[in-house]
Amino acid sequence: MSMFMRCTGLAVTAGLVVLTGCAATQSSPGAATSPAPASSSTAPQATAPGTAAPSSSSDGQADGTARACAQAGSYLTSVRTGQQNGYDRVVFQFSGGRPAVTTQRVATVYADPKGTPVPLAGQSYLHVVFRGASGVCPSSAQRTWTGPSVLAPYYPQLLTVSAAGDFEGYLSFGIGLAAKGSYHVFTLTGPDRVVIDFSHVALGKFPGIWDITSWSQYWAMQYSWLNGHQPWRSSPPMVVQAWATSHGFTHAAVHQVTASTFTVTQPGRKTATVTGTRPVSVPGPWVITRVGYGTAA
């Protein structure tokens, strides 16, 4: 088995997640649902200006493992992510046996039991549910793992993994993906693990030329925006105004020409024509893709 080139991990219980080490298993193509069983280091994250990345930690693995529940049942002990050539991976590790798992592509992942949307970077979403599993030991009320609630490695395909619920024997996660592509679910033993591999999908060159200039920056900004930060980034006129201010158009007039094109004018300066787009098929920030200059009228 070959080790991943980059790897981060997280663990989650009762809606909490933490980072840990890397997985070291191989990938293969296949189906999206696995049947019920018979019985660290943190990767660097690119963030756009003003973006608060989800927190991460490598603490707690020894304590969490020591607290693994002795009561009958399947208990989550860690979740790890890794990147390899051609695919990204998430590994859910359990004590007490592997639970049944189902996966489903959804338009929105909702938290269980609250029913509120779970923010996920990307434009394709997977809902993962483990039946007969938990992240809390009922006999001690202790979590079998602790940590922050979101892991955002911003790999080429696997962008975010977020706790989505731990309620009445159903342990769920939302996974944000860069695009709708193939994935494969399988299980491993020694220790018991459920593995999901996500094939990379080519997105093409990122179109943005100002402020946000790469897909990794965009996903970080989109996640921040989904959590209520910098809401102006979804407004084309406000993005153009921010560009104009940053380029010395201190008293510029912004005029919308088409849905994606604006002119920026200021006495004594050349007129700028600014074009942009929202580069994803779901809600997210608008980015500038082209700027041209002409003589002011």
C-alpha atoms as a PDB file:
ATOM      1  CA  MET A   1       0.000   0.000   0.000  1.00  0.00           C
ATOM      2  CA  SER A   2       1.288   3.459  -0.870  1.00  0.00           C
ATOM      3  CA  MET A   3       1.056   6.410   1.453  1.00  0.00           C
ATOM      4  CA  PHE A   4      -0.829   9.536   0.367  1.00  0.00           C
ATOM      5  CA  MET A   5       1.170  12.457  -0.944  1.00  0.00           C
ATOM      6  CA  ARG A   6      -0.760  14.936   1.238  1.00  0.00           C
ATOM      7  CA  CYS A   7      -2.884  14.003   4.188  1.00  0.00           C
ATOM      8  CA  THR A   8      -4.995  15.512   6.885  1.00  0.00           C
ATOM      9  CA  GLY A   9      -7.466  13.910   9.221  1.00  0.00           C
ATOM     10  CA  LEU A  10     -10.420  14.781  11.342  1.00  0.00           C
ATOM     11  CA  ALA A  11     -12.591  13.018  13.799  1.00  0.00           C
ATOM     12  CA  VAL A  12     -16.155  13.787  14.713  1.00  0.00           C
ATOM     13  CA  THR A  13     -18.545  12.910  17.441  1.00  0.00           C
ATOM     14  CA  ALA A  14     -21.812  14.560  18.336  1.00  0.00           C
ATOM     15  CA  GLY A  15     -21.167  17.138  15.652  1.00  0.00           C
ATOM     16  CA  LEU A  16     -17.476  17.690  16.425  1.00  0.00           C
ATOM     17  CA  VAL A  17     -14.515  16.992  14.169  1.00  0.00           C
ATOM     18  CA  VAL A  18     -10.712  16.952  14.637  1.00  0.00           C
ATOM     19  CA  LEU A  19      -7.656  16.524  12.467  1.00  0.00           C
ATOM     20  CA  THR A  20      -5.337  13.533  12.667  1.00  0.00           C
ATOM     21  CA  GLY A  21      -2.960  11.515  10.446  1.00  0.00           C
ATOM     22  CA  CYS A  22      -3.174  10.154   6.912  1.00  0.00           C
ATOM     23  CA  ALA A  23      -4.681   7.029   5.415  1.00  0.00           C
ATOM     24  CA  ALA A  24      -2.573   4.578   3.464  1.00  0.00           C
ATOM     25  CA  THR A  25      -4.892   2.550   1.253  1.00  0.00           C
ATOM     26  CA  GLN A  26      -5.384   2.172  -2.465  1.00  0.00           C
ATOM     27  CA  SER A  27      -8.310   3.310  -4.613  1.00  0.00           C
ATOM     28  CA  SER A  28     -10.497   1.497  -7.109  1.00  0.00           C
ATOM     29  CA  PRO A  29     -13.632   2.522  -9.052  1.00  0.00           C
ATOM     30  CA  GLY A  30     -17.050   1.190  -8.096  1.00  0.00           C
ATOM     31  CA  ALA A  31     -20.488   1.770  -6.632  1.00  0.00           C
ATOM     32  CA  ALA A  32     -21.767   4.515  -4.350  1.00  0.00           C
ATOM     33  CA  THR A  33     -23.207   2.457  -1.488  1.00  0.00           C
ATOM     34  CA  SER A  34     -21.610  -0.212   0.693  1.00  0.00           C
ATOM     35  CA  PRO A  35     -23.646  -3.014   2.331  1.00  0.00           C
ATOM     36  CA  ALA A  36     -23.976  -3.382   6.074  1.00  0.00           C
ATOM     37  CA  PRO A  37     -21.100  -5.418   7.567  1.00  0.00           C
ATOM     38  CA  ALA A  38     -21.769  -8.904   8.905  1.00  0.00           C
ATOM     39  CA  SER A  39     -21.139  -8.194  12.442  1.00  0.00           C
ATOM     40  CA  SER A  40      -1.017  14.367  11.859  1.00  0.00           C
ATOM     41  CA  SER A  41      -0.219  16.667  10.306  1.00  0.00           C
ATOM     42  CA  THR A  42      -2.382  19.422   8.836  1.00  0.00           C
ATOM     43  CA  ALA A  43      -2.198  20.208   5.113  1.00  0.00           C
ATOM     44  CA  PRO A  44      -1.755  23.884   4.229  1.00  0.00           C
ATOM     45  CA  GLN A  45      -4.944  25.606   3.123  1.00  0.00           C
ATOM     46  CA  ALA A  46      -5.183  28.409   0.584  1.00  0.00           C
ATOM     47  CA  THR A  47      -7.545  31.159   1.641  1.00  0.00           C
ATOM     48  CA  ALA A  48      -8.766  34.242  -0.130  1.00  0.00           C
ATOM     49  CA  PRO A  49      -8.193  37.645   1.476  1.00  0.00           C
ATOM     50  CA  GLY A  50     -10.401  38.169   4.484  1.00  0.00           C
ATOM     51  CA  THR A  51     -11.404  34.505   4.684  1.00  0.00           C
ATOM     52  CA  ALA A  52     -11.493  32.643   7.980  1.00  0.00           C
ATOM     53  CA  ALA A  53     -10.574  29.026   7.297  1.00  0.00           C
ATOM     54  CA  PRO A  54     -12.239  26.283   9.370  1.00  0.00           C
ATOM     55  CA  SER A  55     -10.207  25.469  12.459  1.00  0.00           C
ATOM     56  CA  SER A  56      -8.098  22.333  12.697  1.00  0.00           C
ATOM     57  CA  SER A  57      -6.188  20.489  15.356  1.00  0.00           C
ATOM     58  CA  SER A  58      -3.918  17.464  15.682  1.00  0.00           C
ATOM     59  CA  ASP A  59      -4.613  17.092  19.399  1.00  0.00           C
ATOM     60  CA  GLY A  60      -6.801  14.515  21.100  1.00  0.00           C
ATOM     61  CA  GLN A  61      -6.193  11.250  19.240  1.00  0.00           C
ATOM     62  CA  ALA A  62      -4.610   9.398  22.164  1.00  0.00           C
ATOM     63  CA  ASP A  63      -7.254  10.581  24.628  1.00  0.00           C
ATOM     64  CA  GLY A  64     -10.075   9.837  22.194  1.00  0.00           C
ATOM     65  CA  THR A  65      -8.812   6.310  21.513  1.00  0.00           C
ATOM     66  CA  ALA A  66      -8.414   5.661  25.231  1.00  0.00           C
ATOM     67  CA  ARG A  67     -12.047   6.655  25.726  1.00  0.00           C
ATOM     68  CA  ALA A  68     -13.349   4.281  23.044  1.00  0.00           C
ATOM     69  CA  CYS A  69     -16.637   2.930  24.316  1.00  0.00           C
ATOM     70  CA  ALA A  70     -16.675  -0.580  25.742  1.00  0.00           C
ATOM     71  CA  GLN A  71     -20.469  -0.744  25.400  1.00  0.00           C
ATOM     72  CA  ALA A  72     -21.806  -2.766  22.462  1.00  0.00           C
ATOM     73  CA  GLY A  73     -22.185  -0.697  19.317  1.00  0.00           C
ATOM     74  CA  SER A  74     -20.233   0.984  16.543  1.00  0.00           C
ATOM     75  CA  TYR A  75     -18.435   4.174  17.583  1.00  0.00           C
ATOM     76  CA  LEU A  76     -16.569   6.604  15.393  1.00  0.00           C
ATOM     77  CA  THR A  77     -12.952   7.054  16.457  1.00  0.00           C
ATOM     78  CA  SER A  78     -11.486   9.111  13.602  1.00  0.00           C
ATOM     79  CA  VAL A  79     -11.975  10.542  10.132  1.00  0.00           C
ATOM     80  CA  ARG A  80      -8.991  11.114   7.857  1.00  0.00           C
ATOM     81  CA  THR A  81      -8.587  12.665   4.438  1.00  0.00           C
ATOM     82  CA  GLY A  82      -5.838  12.241   1.882  1.00  0.00           C
ATOM     83  CA  GLN A  83      -4.920  13.133  -1.682  1.00  0.00           C
ATOM     84  CA  GLN A  84      -3.368  10.889  -4.318  1.00  0.00           C
ATOM     85  CA  ASN A  85      -2.801  11.217  -8.052  1.00  0.00           C
ATOM     86  CA  GLY A  86      -6.222  11.056  -9.670  1.00  0.00           C
ATOM     87  CA  TYR A  87      -8.392  10.870  -6.554  1.00  0.00           C
ATOM     88  CA  ASP A  88      -9.038  12.177  -3.053  1.00  0.00           C
ATOM     89  CA  ARG A  89     -10.066  10.057  -0.067  1.00  0.00           C
ATOM     90  CA  VAL A  90     -11.944  10.248   3.204  1.00  0.00           C
ATOM     91  CA  VAL A  91     -11.680   7.422   5.757  1.00  0.00           C
ATOM     92  CA  PHE A  92     -14.135   6.925   8.649  1.00  0.00           C
ATOM     93  CA  GLN A  93     -12.735   4.654  11.363  1.00  0.00           C
ATOM     94  CA  PHE A  94     -14.861   2.837  13.961  1.00  0.00           C
ATOM     95  CA  SER A  95     -14.499   0.699  17.061  1.00  0.00           C
ATOM     96  CA  GLY A  96     -16.980  -2.085  17.812  1.00  0.00           C
ATOM     97  CA  GLY A  97     -17.548  -3.037  14.166  1.00  0.00           C
ATOM     98  CA  ARG A  98     -18.403  -1.242  10.948  1.00  0.00           C
ATOM     99  CA  PRO A  99     -21.884   0.254  10.668  1.00  0.00           C
ATOM    100  CA  ALA A 100     -24.102   0.178   7.592  1.00  0.00           C
ATOM    101  CA  VAL A 101     -23.454   3.187   5.359  1.00  0.00           C
ATOM    102  CA  THR A 102     -25.484   4.894   2.655  1.00  0.00           C
ATOM    103  CA  THR A 103     -24.446   7.775   0.409  1.00  0.00           C
ATOM    104  CA  GLN A 104     -26.656  10.047  -1.657  1.00  0.00           C
ATOM    105  CA  ARG A 105     -26.067  13.018  -3.929  1.00  0.00           C
ATOM    106  CA  VAL A 106     -28.230  15.875  -2.722  1.00  0.00           C
ATOM    107  CA  ALA A 107     -28.892  19.506  -3.583  1.00  0.00           C
ATOM    108  CA  THR A 108     -28.436  20.455   0.096  1.00  0.00           C
ATOM    109  CA  VAL A 109     -27.226  18.571   3.171  1.00  0.00           C
ATOM    110  CA  TYR A 110     -29.451  19.212   6.182  1.00  0.00           C
ATOM    111  CA  ALA A 111     -28.377  18.855   9.806  1.00  0.00           C
ATOM    112  CA  ASP A 112     -30.041  16.055  11.778  1.00  0.00           C
ATOM    113  CA  PRO A 113     -32.301  16.654  13.703  1.00  0.00           C
ATOM    114  CA  LYS A 114     -32.465  20.463  13.339  1.00  0.00           C
ATOM    115  CA  GLY A 115     -33.074  20.475   9.594  1.00  0.00           C
ATOM    116  CA  THR A 116     -30.880  23.505   8.916  1.00  0.00           C
ATOM    117  CA  PRO A 117     -28.624  23.577   5.806  1.00  0.00           C
ATOM    118  CA  VAL A 118     -25.017  22.520   6.376  1.00  0.00           C
ATOM    119  CA  PRO A 119     -22.584  24.949   4.635  1.00  0.00           C
ATOM    120  CA  LEU A 120     -20.266  23.083   2.269  1.00  0.00           C
ATOM    121  CA  ALA A 121     -17.754  24.445  -0.215  1.00  0.00           C
ATOM    122  CA  GLY A 122     -18.110  23.199  -3.773  1.00  0.00           C
ATOM    123  CA  GLN A 123     -20.907  22.681  -6.266  1.00  0.00           C
ATOM    124  CA  SER A 124     -21.771  19.008  -5.686  1.00  0.00           C
ATOM    125  CA  TYR A 125     -22.755  17.524  -2.327  1.00  0.00           C
ATOM    126  CA  LEU A 126     -22.811  14.059  -0.816  1.00  0.00           C
ATOM    127  CA  HIS A 127     -24.828  13.039   2.249  1.00  0.00           C
ATOM    128  CA  VAL A 128     -23.196  10.151   4.133  1.00  0.00           C
ATOM    129  CA  VAL A 129     -25.203   8.331   6.815  1.00  0.00           C
ATOM    130  CA  PHE A 130     -23.958   5.580   9.144  1.00  0.00           C
ATOM    131  CA  ARG A 131     -26.800   3.529  10.601  1.00  0.00           C
ATOM    132  CA  GLY A 132     -26.358   2.059  14.082  1.00  0.00           C
ATOM    133  CA  ALA A 133     -23.383   4.296  14.857  1.00  0.00           C
ATOM    134  CA  SER A 134     -22.535   7.194  17.118  1.00  0.00           C
ATOM    135  CA  GLY A 135     -19.701   9.394  18.255  1.00  0.00           C
ATOM    136  CA  VAL A 136     -20.761   9.377  21.915  1.00  0.00           C
ATOM    137  CA  CYS A 137     -20.473   6.484  24.369  1.00  0.00           C
ATOM    138  CA  PRO A 138     -23.909   6.144  26.046  1.00  0.00           C
ATOM    139  CA  SER A 139     -22.580   4.560  29.225  1.00  0.00           C
ATOM    140  CA  SER A 140     -20.213   7.439  29.964  1.00  0.00           C
ATOM    141  CA  ALA A 141     -21.704  10.244  27.840  1.00  0.00           C
ATOM    142  CA  GLN A 142     -18.142  10.854  26.637  1.00  0.00           C
ATOM    143  CA  ARG A 143     -17.304  11.524  23.042  1.00  0.00           C
ATOM    144  CA  THR A 144     -15.234   8.852  21.376  1.00  0.00           C
ATOM    145  CA  TRP A 145     -13.521  11.697  19.527  1.00  0.00           C
ATOM    146  CA  THR A 146     -13.377  15.468  19.989  1.00  0.00           C
ATOM    147  CA  GLY A 147     -12.449  18.478  17.914  1.00  0.00           C
ATOM    148  CA  PRO A 148     -13.754  21.213  15.568  1.00  0.00           C
ATOM    149  CA  SER A 149     -16.758  20.539  13.346  1.00  0.00           C
ATOM    150  CA  VAL A 150     -15.352  20.955   9.815  1.00  0.00           C
ATOM    151  CA  LEU A 151     -12.346  19.770   7.847  1.00  0.00           C
ATOM    152  CA  ALA A 152     -11.621  21.740   4.673  1.00  0.00           C
ATOM    153  CA  PRO A 153      -8.542  20.366   2.870  1.00  0.00           C
ATOM    154  CA  TYR A 154      -9.561  22.009  -0.453  1.00  0.00           C
ATOM    155  CA  TYR A 155      -8.150  19.146  -2.495  1.00  0.00           C
ATOM    156  CA  PRO A 156      -8.872  19.109  -6.252  1.00  0.00           C
ATOM    157  CA  GLN A 157     -12.179  17.247  -5.704  1.00  0.00           C
ATOM    158  CA  LEU A 158     -12.721  16.768  -1.946  1.00  0.00           C
ATOM    159  CA  LEU A 159     -13.197  20.229  -0.460  1.00  0.00           C
ATOM    160  CA  THR A 160     -15.049  19.993   2.863  1.00  0.00           C
ATOM    161  CA  VAL A 161     -16.222  17.298   5.261  1.00  0.00           C
ATOM    162  CA  SER A 162     -18.706  18.486   7.879  1.00  0.00           C
ATOM    163  CA  ALA A 163     -20.534  16.800  10.733  1.00  0.00           C
ATOM    164  CA  ALA A 164     -24.260  16.782   9.932  1.00  0.00           C
ATOM    165  CA  GLY A 165     -25.796  14.870  12.849  1.00  0.00           C
ATOM    166  CA  ASP A 166     -25.520  12.235  15.563  1.00  0.00           C
ATOM    167  CA  PHE A 167     -29.076  11.341  16.554  1.00  0.00           C
ATOM    168  CA  GLU A 168     -30.883   8.137  17.535  1.00  0.00           C
ATOM    169  CA  GLY A 169     -28.309   5.808  16.000  1.00  0.00           C
ATOM    170  CA  TYR A 170     -27.779   7.782  12.792  1.00  0.00           C
ATOM    171  CA  LEU A 171     -24.390   9.443  12.369  1.00  0.00           C
ATOM    172  CA  SER A 172     -24.241  11.706   9.329  1.00  0.00           C
ATOM    173  CA  PHE A 173     -21.830  13.896   7.370  1.00  0.00           C
ATOM    174  CA  GLY A 174     -21.980  16.307   4.478  1.00  0.00           C
ATOM    175  CA  ILE A 175     -19.201  16.313   1.902  1.00  0.00           C
ATOM    176  CA  GLY A 176     -18.601  19.232  -0.468  1.00  0.00           C
ATOM    177  CA  LEU A 177     -17.061  18.413  -3.842  1.00  0.00           C
ATOM    178  CA  ALA A 178     -15.618  20.585  -6.588  1.00  0.00           C
ATOM    179  CA  ALA A 179     -17.761  18.930  -9.268  1.00  0.00           C
ATOM    180  CA  LYS A 180     -20.080  16.003  -9.834  1.00  0.00           C
ATOM    181  CA  GLY A 181     -17.796  13.048 -10.510  1.00  0.00           C
ATOM    182  CA  SER A 182     -17.517   9.340  -9.804  1.00  0.00           C
ATOM    183  CA  TYR A 183     -16.833   7.985  -6.341  1.00  0.00           C
ATOM    184  CA  HIS A 184     -16.388   4.581  -4.730  1.00  0.00           C
ATOM    185  CA  VAL A 185     -17.335   3.348  -1.251  1.00  0.00           C
ATOM    186  CA  PHE A 186     -15.663   0.296   0.309  1.00  0.00           C
ATOM    187  CA  THR A 187     -14.644  -1.101   3.690  1.00  0.00           C
ATOM    188  CA  LEU A 188     -11.392  -2.195   5.309  1.00  0.00           C
ATOM    189  CA  THR A 189     -10.546  -4.081   8.490  1.00  0.00           C
ATOM    190  CA  GLY A 190      -7.824  -3.911  11.136  1.00  0.00           C
ATOM    191  CA  PRO A 191      -9.102  -1.369  12.215  1.00  0.00           C
ATOM    192  CA  ASP A 192     -12.646  -1.162  10.832  1.00  0.00           C
ATOM    193  CA  ARG A 193     -12.922   1.610   8.264  1.00  0.00           C
ATOM    194  CA  VAL A 194     -15.357   2.928   5.671  1.00  0.00           C
ATOM    195  CA  VAL A 195     -13.496   4.538   2.775  1.00  0.00           C
ATOM    196  CA  ILE A 196     -14.801   6.854   0.053  1.00  0.00           C
ATOM    197  CA  ASP A 197     -12.614   7.715  -2.928  1.00  0.00           C
ATOM    198  CA  PHE A 198     -13.493  10.673  -5.166  1.00  0.00           C
ATOM    199  CA  SER A 199     -12.095  10.787  -8.703  1.00  0.00           C
ATOM    200  CA  HIS A 200     -10.638  14.112  -9.756  1.00  0.00           C
ATOM    201  CA  VAL A 201     -12.701  16.151 -12.209  1.00  0.00           C
ATOM    202  CA  ALA A 202     -11.001  18.678 -14.505  1.00  0.00           C
ATOM    203  CA  LEU A 203     -12.401  22.154 -13.866  1.00  0.00           C
ATOM    204  CA  GLY A 204     -10.210  24.073 -16.252  1.00  0.00           C
ATOM    205  CA  LYS A 205      -8.251  27.208 -15.488  1.00  0.00           C
ATOM    206  CA  PHE A 206      -9.823  29.456 -12.893  1.00  0.00           C
ATOM    207  CA  PRO A 207     -11.246  32.523 -14.699  1.00  0.00           C
ATOM    208  CA  GLY A 208     -10.684  35.138 -11.978  1.00  0.00           C
ATOM    209  CA  ILE A 209      -7.911  37.698 -12.454  1.00  0.00           C
ATOM    210  CA  TRP A 210      -8.313  39.931  -9.395  1.00  0.00           C
ATOM    211  CA  ASP A 211      -8.424  39.214  -5.653  1.00  0.00           C
ATOM    212  CA  ILE A 212      -9.510  35.582  -6.091  1.00  0.00           C
ATOM    213  CA  THR A 213      -7.289  33.993  -8.725  1.00  0.00           C
ATOM    214  CA  SER A 214      -7.330  30.221  -8.086  1.00  0.00           C
ATOM    215  CA  TRP A 215      -9.848  27.473  -7.411  1.00  0.00           C
ATOM    216  CA  SER A 216      -8.441  26.846  -3.915  1.00  0.00           C
ATOM    217  CA  GLN A 217      -8.880  30.525  -3.049  1.00  0.00           C
ATOM    218  CA  TYR A 218     -12.374  30.479  -4.483  1.00  0.00           C
ATOM    219  CA  TRP A 219     -13.491  27.448  -2.454  1.00  0.00           C
ATOM    220  CA  ALA A 220     -12.157  29.017   0.747  1.00  0.00           C
ATOM    221  CA  MET A 221     -13.962  32.275  -0.022  1.00  0.00           C
ATOM    222  CA  GLN A 222     -17.152  30.451  -0.996  1.00  0.00           C
ATOM    223  CA  TYR A 223     -17.146  28.573   2.312  1.00  0.00           C
ATOM    224  CA  SER A 224     -16.595  31.818   4.203  1.00  0.00           C
ATOM    225  CA  TRP A 225     -19.369  33.512   2.195  1.00  0.00           C
ATOM    226  CA  LEU A 226     -21.777  30.650   2.906  1.00  0.00           C
ATOM    227  CA  ASN A 227     -21.125  31.217   6.595  1.00  0.00           C
ATOM    228  CA  GLY A 228     -22.180  34.870   6.309  1.00  0.00           C
ATOM    229  CA  HIS A 229     -18.826  36.590   5.759  1.00  0.00           C
ATOM    230  CA  GLN A 230     -18.390  39.309   3.107  1.00  0.00           C
ATOM    231  CA  PRO A 231     -21.883  38.965   1.581  1.00  0.00           C
ATOM    232  CA  TRP A 232     -21.062  41.740  -0.903  1.00  0.00           C
ATOM    233  CA  ARG A 233     -18.941  39.295  -2.913  1.00  0.00           C
ATOM    234  CA  SER A 234     -22.078  37.862  -4.559  1.00  0.00           C
ATOM    235  CA  SER A 235     -23.077  41.323  -5.851  1.00  0.00           C
ATOM    236  CA  PRO A 236     -21.383  42.151  -9.208  1.00  0.00           C
ATOM    237  CA  PRO A 237     -21.703  45.958  -8.794  1.00  0.00           C
ATOM    238  CA  MET A 238     -20.145  45.803  -5.334  1.00  0.00           C
ATOM    239  CA  VAL A 239     -17.288  43.592  -6.531  1.00  0.00           C
ATOM    240  CA  VAL A 240     -16.617  46.036  -9.392  1.00  0.00           C
ATOM    241  CA  GLN A 241     -16.723  48.954  -6.949  1.00  0.00           C
ATOM    242  CA  ALA A 242     -14.195  47.168  -4.709  1.00  0.00           C
ATOM    243  CA  TRP A 243     -11.940  46.613  -7.732  1.00  0.00           C
ATOM    244  CA  ALA A 244     -12.258  50.279  -8.729  1.00  0.00           C
ATOM    245  CA  THR A 245     -11.347  51.517  -5.258  1.00  0.00           C
ATOM    246  CA  SER A 246      -8.319  49.213  -5.127  1.00  0.00           C
ATOM    247  CA  HIS A 247      -7.142  50.597  -8.492  1.00  0.00           C
ATOM    248  CA  GLY A 248      -7.320  54.264  -7.600  1.00  0.00           C
ATOM    249  CA  PHE A 249     -10.807  55.078  -8.885  1.00  0.00           C
ATOM    250  CA  THR A 250     -11.631  56.892  -5.669  1.00  0.00           C
ATOM    251  CA  HIS A 251     -14.749  58.702  -6.922  1.00  0.00           C
ATOM    252  CA  ALA A 252     -15.724  56.460  -9.810  1.00  0.00           C
ATOM    253  CA  ALA A 253     -19.185  55.958 -11.275  1.00  0.00           C
ATOM    254  CA  VAL A 254     -20.019  52.287 -11.917  1.00  0.00           C
ATOM    255  CA  HIS A 255     -22.532  51.646 -14.696  1.00  0.00           C
ATOM    256  CA  GLN A 256     -23.924  48.227 -15.605  1.00  0.00           C
ATOM    257  CA  VAL A 257     -23.858  47.603 -19.372  1.00  0.00           C
ATOM    258  CA  THR A 258     -24.921  43.930 -19.467  1.00  0.00           C
ATOM    259  CA  ALA A 259     -25.506  41.256 -16.859  1.00  0.00           C
ATOM    260  CA  SER A 260     -21.759  40.618 -16.677  1.00  0.00           C
ATOM    261  CA  THR A 261     -20.151  43.862 -17.916  1.00  0.00           C
ATOM    262  CA  PHE A 262     -19.686  47.209 -16.181  1.00  0.00           C
ATOM    263  CA  THR A 263     -17.993  50.498 -16.995  1.00  0.00           C
ATOM    264  CA  VAL A 264     -16.018  52.446 -14.406  1.00  0.00           C
ATOM    265  CA  THR A 265     -15.548  56.150 -15.116  1.00  0.00           C
ATOM    266  CA  GLN A 266     -13.910  58.990 -13.250  1.00  0.00           C
ATOM    267  CA  PRO A 267     -13.037  62.519 -14.473  1.00  0.00           C
ATOM    268  CA  GLY A 268      -9.421  62.741 -15.564  1.00  0.00           C
ATOM    269  CA  ARG A 269      -8.940  58.970 -15.837  1.00  0.00           C
ATOM    270  CA  LYS A 270      -9.380  56.377 -18.554  1.00  0.00           C
ATOM    271  CA  THR A 271     -12.649  54.456 -18.563  1.00  0.00           C
ATOM    272  CA  ALA A 272     -12.392  50.827 -17.455  1.00  0.00           C
ATOM    273  CA  THR A 273     -14.636  48.062 -18.771  1.00  0.00           C
ATOM    274  CA  VAL A 274     -14.895  45.254 -16.227  1.00  0.00           C
ATOM    275  CA  THR A 275     -16.326  41.799 -16.987  1.00  0.00           C
ATOM    276  CA  GLY A 276     -16.974  38.999 -14.534  1.00  0.00           C
ATOM    277  CA  THR A 277     -18.829  35.801 -13.764  1.00  0.00           C
ATOM    278  CA  ARG A 278     -19.916  33.441 -11.037  1.00  0.00           C
ATOM    279  CA  PRO A 279     -17.682  30.446 -11.876  1.00  0.00           C
ATOM    280  CA  VAL A 280     -19.862  27.785 -10.227  1.00  0.00           C
ATOM    281  CA  SER A 281     -23.360  26.409 -10.843  1.00  0.00           C
ATOM    282  CA  VAL A 282     -24.468  27.099  -7.256  1.00  0.00           C
ATOM    283  CA  PRO A 283     -24.574  30.289  -5.148  1.00  0.00           C
ATOM    284  CA  GLY A 284     -21.173  31.807  -4.523  1.00  0.00           C
ATOM    285  CA  PRO A 285     -18.957  34.863  -4.994  1.00  0.00           C
ATOM    286  CA  TRP A 286     -18.750  36.722  -8.321  1.00  0.00           C
ATOM    287  CA  VAL A 287     -15.258  37.202  -9.735  1.00  0.00           C
ATOM    288  CA  ILE A 288     -13.704  39.592 -12.254  1.00  0.00           C
ATOM    289  CA  THR A 289     -12.442  37.885 -15.407  1.00  0.00           C
ATOM    290  CA  ARG A 290     -11.363  40.738 -17.682  1.00  0.00           C
ATOM    291  CA  VAL A 291     -10.513  44.448 -17.504  1.00  0.00           C
ATOM    292  CA  GLY A 292     -10.060  46.743 -20.505  1.00  0.00           C
ATOM    293  CA  TYR A 293      -9.265  50.451 -20.644  1.00  0.00           C
ATOM    294  CA  GLY A 294     -10.420  53.197 -22.994  1.00  0.00           C
ATOM    295  CA  THR A 295     -10.308  56.989 -23.278  1.00  0.00           C
ATOM    296  CA  ALA A 296     -12.712  58.788 -20.979  1.00  0.00           C
ATOM    297  CA  ALA A 297     -15.479  60.767 -22.677  1.00  0.00           C
END
